[in-house]
Amino acid sequence: MNDKVNASLKLEQFLPYRFNQLAERISDSLSTIYSAEFGITISEWRILAMLGTQPTMTSSDIAQKTRMDKAKVSRAVQKLEKLGYLLREKDQQDHRISHLSLTEEGIALYNAIVPKALDWEGHFVSTLTAQEYRNLHNLLNKLDQQIGQCDQKTMSKINIER
């Protein structure tokens, strides 16, 4: 171990690392459904999933809600549009903004993937009891709310140090 290091961290037990690793493994595993069978990427699926629950959104809205990079969203939107799954309509007041929605083909694709994704999720969580499943969602909700407070504390600390 480095003699100059005062603090110790076991990465395998550090929650941010564990969450990230699990999230990536989940995403990769689930992507086999829509990648192999339907030929779309994780980014493209996330856009389809967002537009499947909201009839119209902008690329910025999608980037914000999915926490995907704007360039990645842009590339995925272009591909989905080229494949005929997405309709892009310019905003009447601001032509820099496009409103995105699913075409009939996009809706059909979404409707074909969702049952398979839900089946996958059901199999994934089948190791949990009903109470553990509810607890997991409650814990995730608490941590999701807490991250906002952590962000505020970090920003306050940065502003004080300036």
C-alpha atoms as a PDB file:
ATOM      1  CA  MET A   1       0.000   0.000   0.000  1.00  0.00           C
ATOM      2  CA  ASN A   2       1.146   3.536  -0.701  1.00  0.00           C
ATOM      3  CA  ASP A   3       2.670   5.000   2.498  1.00  0.00           C
ATOM      4  CA  LYS A   4       1.488   8.492   1.573  1.00  0.00           C
ATOM      5  CA  VAL A   5      -2.192   7.508   1.483  1.00  0.00           C
ATOM      6  CA  ASN A   6      -3.998   8.334   4.729  1.00  0.00           C
ATOM      7  CA  ALA A   7      -7.525   7.274   3.841  1.00  0.00           C
ATOM      8  CA  SER A   8      -8.589   3.820   2.749  1.00  0.00           C
ATOM      9  CA  LEU A   9     -11.332   2.849   0.346  1.00  0.00           C
ATOM     10  CA  LYS A  10     -12.433  -0.604  -0.689  1.00  0.00           C
ATOM     11  CA  LEU A  11     -13.858   0.062  -4.132  1.00  0.00           C
ATOM     12  CA  GLU A  12     -15.886  -3.162  -4.160  1.00  0.00           C
ATOM     13  CA  GLN A  13     -17.758  -1.907  -1.056  1.00  0.00           C
ATOM     14  CA  PHE A  14     -18.114   1.733  -2.124  1.00  0.00           C
ATOM     15  CA  LEU A  15     -21.824   2.212  -2.920  1.00  0.00           C
ATOM     16  CA  PRO A  16     -21.426   4.590  -5.891  1.00  0.00           C
ATOM     17  CA  TYR A  17     -19.105   2.059  -7.533  1.00  0.00           C
ATOM     18  CA  ARG A  18     -21.391  -0.881  -6.754  1.00  0.00           C
ATOM     19  CA  PHE A  19     -24.465   0.939  -8.070  1.00  0.00           C
ATOM     20  CA  ASN A  20     -22.629   1.886 -11.236  1.00  0.00           C
ATOM     21  CA  GLN A  21     -21.341  -1.631 -11.817  1.00  0.00           C
ATOM     22  CA  LEU A  22     -24.759  -3.184 -11.224  1.00  0.00           C
ATOM     23  CA  ALA A  23     -26.482  -0.607 -13.429  1.00  0.00           C
ATOM     24  CA  GLU A  24     -24.060  -1.313 -16.277  1.00  0.00           C
ATOM     25  CA  ARG A  25     -24.496  -5.074 -15.917  1.00  0.00           C
ATOM     26  CA  ILE A  26     -28.284  -4.712 -15.860  1.00  0.00           C
ATOM     27  CA  SER A  27     -28.253  -2.444 -18.894  1.00  0.00           C
ATOM     28  CA  ASP A  28     -25.924  -4.750 -20.820  1.00  0.00           C
ATOM     29  CA  SER A  29     -27.983  -7.831 -19.973  1.00  0.00           C
ATOM     30  CA  LEU A  30     -31.289  -6.201 -20.864  1.00  0.00           C
ATOM     31  CA  SER A  31     -29.843  -4.779 -24.063  1.00  0.00           C
ATOM     32  CA  THR A  32     -29.483  -8.291 -25.461  1.00  0.00           C
ATOM     33  CA  ILE A  33     -33.261  -8.293 -25.895  1.00  0.00           C
ATOM     34  CA  TYR A  34     -33.557  -5.192 -28.033  1.00  0.00           C
ATOM     35  CA  SER A  35     -30.118  -5.384 -29.584  1.00  0.00           C
ATOM     36  CA  ALA A  36     -30.119  -8.952 -30.863  1.00  0.00           C
ATOM     37  CA  GLU A  37     -33.793  -9.211 -31.641  1.00  0.00           C
ATOM     38  CA  PHE A  38     -34.633  -5.686 -32.774  1.00  0.00           C
ATOM     39  CA  GLY A  39     -31.270  -4.182 -33.786  1.00  0.00           C
ATOM     40  CA  ILE A  40     -31.355  -1.083 -31.613  1.00  0.00           C
ATOM     41  CA  THR A  41     -28.866   0.244 -29.062  1.00  0.00           C
ATOM     42  CA  ILE A  42     -29.299   1.093 -25.394  1.00  0.00           C
ATOM     43  CA  SER A  43     -29.550   4.805 -26.245  1.00  0.00           C
ATOM     44  CA  GLU A  44     -32.151   4.174 -28.940  1.00  0.00           C
ATOM     45  CA  TRP A  45     -34.186   2.003 -26.562  1.00  0.00           C
ATOM     46  CA  ARG A  46     -34.135   4.685 -23.875  1.00  0.00           C
ATOM     47  CA  ILE A  47     -35.484   7.228 -26.344  1.00  0.00           C
ATOM     48  CA  LEU A  48     -38.191   4.817 -27.499  1.00  0.00           C
ATOM     49  CA  ALA A  49     -39.067   4.083 -23.862  1.00  0.00           C
ATOM     50  CA  MET A  50     -39.356   7.799 -23.038  1.00  0.00           C
ATOM     51  CA  LEU A  51     -41.510   8.508 -26.097  1.00  0.00           C
ATOM     52  CA  GLY A  52     -43.582   5.420 -25.367  1.00  0.00           C
ATOM     53  CA  THR A  53     -44.719   7.008 -22.115  1.00  0.00           C
ATOM     54  CA  GLN A  54     -44.906  10.634 -23.289  1.00  0.00           C
ATOM     55  CA  PRO A  55     -46.338  11.372 -26.712  1.00  0.00           C
ATOM     56  CA  THR A  56     -43.876  14.150 -27.552  1.00  0.00           C
ATOM     57  CA  MET A  57     -40.571  15.378 -26.155  1.00  0.00           C
ATOM     58  CA  THR A  58     -37.572  17.401 -27.266  1.00  0.00           C
ATOM     59  CA  SER A  59     -34.056  15.981 -27.443  1.00  0.00           C
ATOM     60  CA  SER A  60     -33.096  18.214 -24.510  1.00  0.00           C
ATOM     61  CA  ASP A  61     -35.961  16.816 -22.428  1.00  0.00           C
ATOM     62  CA  ILE A  62     -34.871  13.270 -23.236  1.00  0.00           C
ATOM     63  CA  ALA A  63     -31.224  14.022 -22.436  1.00  0.00           C
ATOM     64  CA  GLN A  64     -32.211  15.531 -19.100  1.00  0.00           C
ATOM     65  CA  LYS A  65     -34.594  12.742 -18.060  1.00  0.00           C
ATOM     66  CA  THR A  66     -32.363   9.873 -19.172  1.00  0.00           C
ATOM     67  CA  ARG A  67     -29.126  11.607 -18.070  1.00  0.00           C
ATOM     68  CA  MET A  68     -27.637  10.791 -21.479  1.00  0.00           C
ATOM     69  CA  ASP A  69     -25.155  13.038 -23.237  1.00  0.00           C
ATOM     70  CA  LYS A  70     -26.848  15.395 -25.743  1.00  0.00           C
ATOM     71  CA  ALA A  71     -24.598  14.177 -28.567  1.00  0.00           C
ATOM     72  CA  LYS A  72     -25.533  10.557 -27.844  1.00  0.00           C
ATOM     73  CA  VAL A  73     -29.222  11.487 -27.847  1.00  0.00           C
ATOM     74  CA  SER A  74     -28.778  13.365 -31.114  1.00  0.00           C
ATOM     75  CA  ARG A  75     -27.106  10.398 -32.835  1.00  0.00           C
ATOM     76  CA  ALA A  76     -29.743   7.985 -31.561  1.00  0.00           C
ATOM     77  CA  VAL A  77     -32.574  10.302 -32.654  1.00  0.00           C
ATOM     78  CA  GLN A  78     -31.059  10.568 -36.132  1.00  0.00           C
ATOM     79  CA  LYS A  79     -30.819   6.784 -36.446  1.00  0.00           C
ATOM     80  CA  LEU A  80     -34.362   6.194 -35.143  1.00  0.00           C
ATOM     81  CA  GLU A  81     -35.668   8.799 -37.580  1.00  0.00           C
ATOM     82  CA  LYS A  82     -33.750   7.198 -40.457  1.00  0.00           C
ATOM     83  CA  LEU A  83     -35.200   3.776 -39.513  1.00  0.00           C
ATOM     84  CA  GLY A  84     -38.708   5.245 -39.568  1.00  0.00           C
ATOM     85  CA  TYR A  85     -39.400   4.893 -35.834  1.00  0.00           C
ATOM     86  CA  LEU A  86     -39.348   8.573 -34.984  1.00  0.00           C
ATOM     87  CA  LEU A  87     -41.009  11.723 -36.299  1.00  0.00           C
ATOM     88  CA  ARG A  88     -39.290  15.084 -35.857  1.00  0.00           C
ATOM     89  CA  GLU A  89     -41.359  18.274 -36.122  1.00  0.00           C
ATOM     90  CA  LYS A  90     -39.892  21.783 -35.869  1.00  0.00           C
ATOM     91  CA  ASP A  91     -41.309  24.044 -33.186  1.00  0.00           C
ATOM     92  CA  GLN A  92     -43.459  26.805 -34.684  1.00  0.00           C
ATOM     93  CA  GLN A  93     -41.951  29.568 -32.511  1.00  0.00           C
ATOM     94  CA  ASP A  94     -38.345  28.339 -32.237  1.00  0.00           C
ATOM     95  CA  HIS A  95     -37.046  26.450 -35.262  1.00  0.00           C
ATOM     96  CA  ARG A  96     -33.969  25.300 -33.314  1.00  0.00           C
ATOM     97  CA  ILE A  97     -36.244  23.006 -31.291  1.00  0.00           C
ATOM     98  CA  SER A  98     -37.740  19.799 -32.653  1.00  0.00           C
ATOM     99  CA  HIS A  99     -40.580  17.878 -31.080  1.00  0.00           C
ATOM    100  CA  LEU A 100     -40.061  14.124 -31.271  1.00  0.00           C
ATOM    101  CA  SER A 101     -42.736  11.457 -31.335  1.00  0.00           C
ATOM    102  CA  LEU A 102     -43.009   7.813 -32.305  1.00  0.00           C
ATOM    103  CA  THR A 103     -44.302   6.830 -35.725  1.00  0.00           C
ATOM    104  CA  GLU A 104     -46.680   3.873 -36.108  1.00  0.00           C
ATOM    105  CA  GLU A 105     -43.591   1.720 -36.692  1.00  0.00           C
ATOM    106  CA  GLY A 106     -41.977   3.154 -33.557  1.00  0.00           C
ATOM    107  CA  ILE A 107     -45.085   2.402 -31.508  1.00  0.00           C
ATOM    108  CA  ALA A 108     -45.138  -1.151 -32.864  1.00  0.00           C
ATOM    109  CA  LEU A 109     -41.469  -1.587 -31.958  1.00  0.00           C
ATOM    110  CA  TYR A 110     -42.058  -0.183 -28.467  1.00  0.00           C
ATOM    111  CA  ASN A 111     -45.048  -2.494 -27.994  1.00  0.00           C
ATOM    112  CA  ALA A 112     -42.968  -5.481 -29.125  1.00  0.00           C
ATOM    113  CA  ILE A 113     -40.081  -4.736 -26.749  1.00  0.00           C
ATOM    114  CA  VAL A 114     -41.952  -3.741 -23.576  1.00  0.00           C
ATOM    115  CA  PRO A 115     -43.403  -7.180 -22.719  1.00  0.00           C
ATOM    116  CA  LYS A 116     -39.988  -8.766 -23.210  1.00  0.00           C
ATOM    117  CA  ALA A 117     -38.315  -6.100 -21.061  1.00  0.00           C
ATOM    118  CA  LEU A 118     -40.918  -6.589 -18.327  1.00  0.00           C
ATOM    119  CA  ASP A 119     -40.440 -10.363 -18.470  1.00  0.00           C
ATOM    120  CA  TRP A 120     -36.684  -9.819 -18.131  1.00  0.00           C
ATOM    121  CA  GLU A 121     -37.241  -7.526 -15.150  1.00  0.00           C
ATOM    122  CA  GLY A 122     -39.579 -10.065 -13.555  1.00  0.00           C
ATOM    123  CA  HIS A 123     -36.942 -12.771 -13.874  1.00  0.00           C
ATOM    124  CA  PHE A 124     -34.246 -10.427 -12.545  1.00  0.00           C
ATOM    125  CA  VAL A 125     -36.168  -9.526  -9.377  1.00  0.00           C
ATOM    126  CA  SER A 126     -37.594 -13.013  -8.853  1.00  0.00           C
ATOM    127  CA  THR A 127     -34.879 -13.618  -6.272  1.00  0.00           C
ATOM    128  CA  LEU A 128     -36.536 -10.984  -4.049  1.00  0.00           C
ATOM    129  CA  THR A 129     -39.578 -11.490  -1.863  1.00  0.00           C
ATOM    130  CA  ALA A 130     -42.486  -9.090  -2.360  1.00  0.00           C
ATOM    131  CA  GLN A 131     -41.422  -7.234   0.801  1.00  0.00           C
ATOM    132  CA  GLU A 132     -37.795  -7.010  -0.361  1.00  0.00           C
ATOM    133  CA  TYR A 133     -39.005  -5.656  -3.715  1.00  0.00           C
ATOM    134  CA  ARG A 134     -41.072  -2.946  -1.970  1.00  0.00           C
ATOM    135  CA  ASN A 135     -38.144  -2.184   0.356  1.00  0.00           C
ATOM    136  CA  LEU A 136     -35.789  -1.884  -2.606  1.00  0.00           C
ATOM    137  CA  HIS A 137     -38.042   0.700  -4.245  1.00  0.00           C
ATOM    138  CA  ASN A 138     -38.436   2.580  -0.971  1.00  0.00           C
ATOM    139  CA  LEU A 139     -34.666   2.626  -0.433  1.00  0.00           C
ATOM    140  CA  LEU A 140     -34.022   3.767  -3.999  1.00  0.00           C
ATOM    141  CA  ASN A 141     -36.589   6.569  -3.579  1.00  0.00           C
ATOM    142  CA  LYS A 142     -34.913   7.691  -0.332  1.00  0.00           C
ATOM    143  CA  LEU A 143     -31.469   7.689  -1.917  1.00  0.00           C
ATOM    144  CA  ASP A 144     -32.806   9.511  -4.981  1.00  0.00           C
ATOM    145  CA  GLN A 145     -34.172  12.257  -2.726  1.00  0.00           C
ATOM    146  CA  GLN A 146     -30.968  12.338  -0.682  1.00  0.00           C
ATOM    147  CA  ILE A 147     -28.762  12.900  -3.717  1.00  0.00           C
ATOM    148  CA  GLY A 148     -30.384  16.294  -4.182  1.00  0.00           C
ATOM    149  CA  GLN A 149     -29.353  17.265  -0.654  1.00  0.00           C
ATOM    150  CA  CYS A 150     -25.835  15.949  -1.276  1.00  0.00           C
ATOM    151  CA  ASP A 151     -25.651  18.036  -4.448  1.00  0.00           C
ATOM    152  CA  GLN A 152     -26.774  21.156  -2.533  1.00  0.00           C
ATOM    153  CA  LYS A 153     -24.239  20.520   0.236  1.00  0.00           C
ATOM    154  CA  THR A 154     -21.442  20.061  -2.313  1.00  0.00           C
ATOM    155  CA  MET A 155     -22.381  23.266  -4.124  1.00  0.00           C
ATOM    156  CA  SER A 156     -22.544  25.193  -0.815  1.00  0.00           C
ATOM    157  CA  LYS A 157     -19.104  23.900   0.141  1.00  0.00           C
ATOM    158  CA  ILE A 158     -17.653  24.887  -3.243  1.00  0.00           C
ATOM    159  CA  ASN A 159     -19.132  28.392  -2.964  1.00  0.00           C
ATOM    160  CA  ILE A 160     -17.778  28.821   0.591  1.00  0.00           C
ATOM    161  CA  GLU A 161     -14.280  27.750  -0.459  1.00  0.00           C
ATOM    162  CA  ARG A 162     -14.188  30.328  -3.266  1.00  0.00           C
END
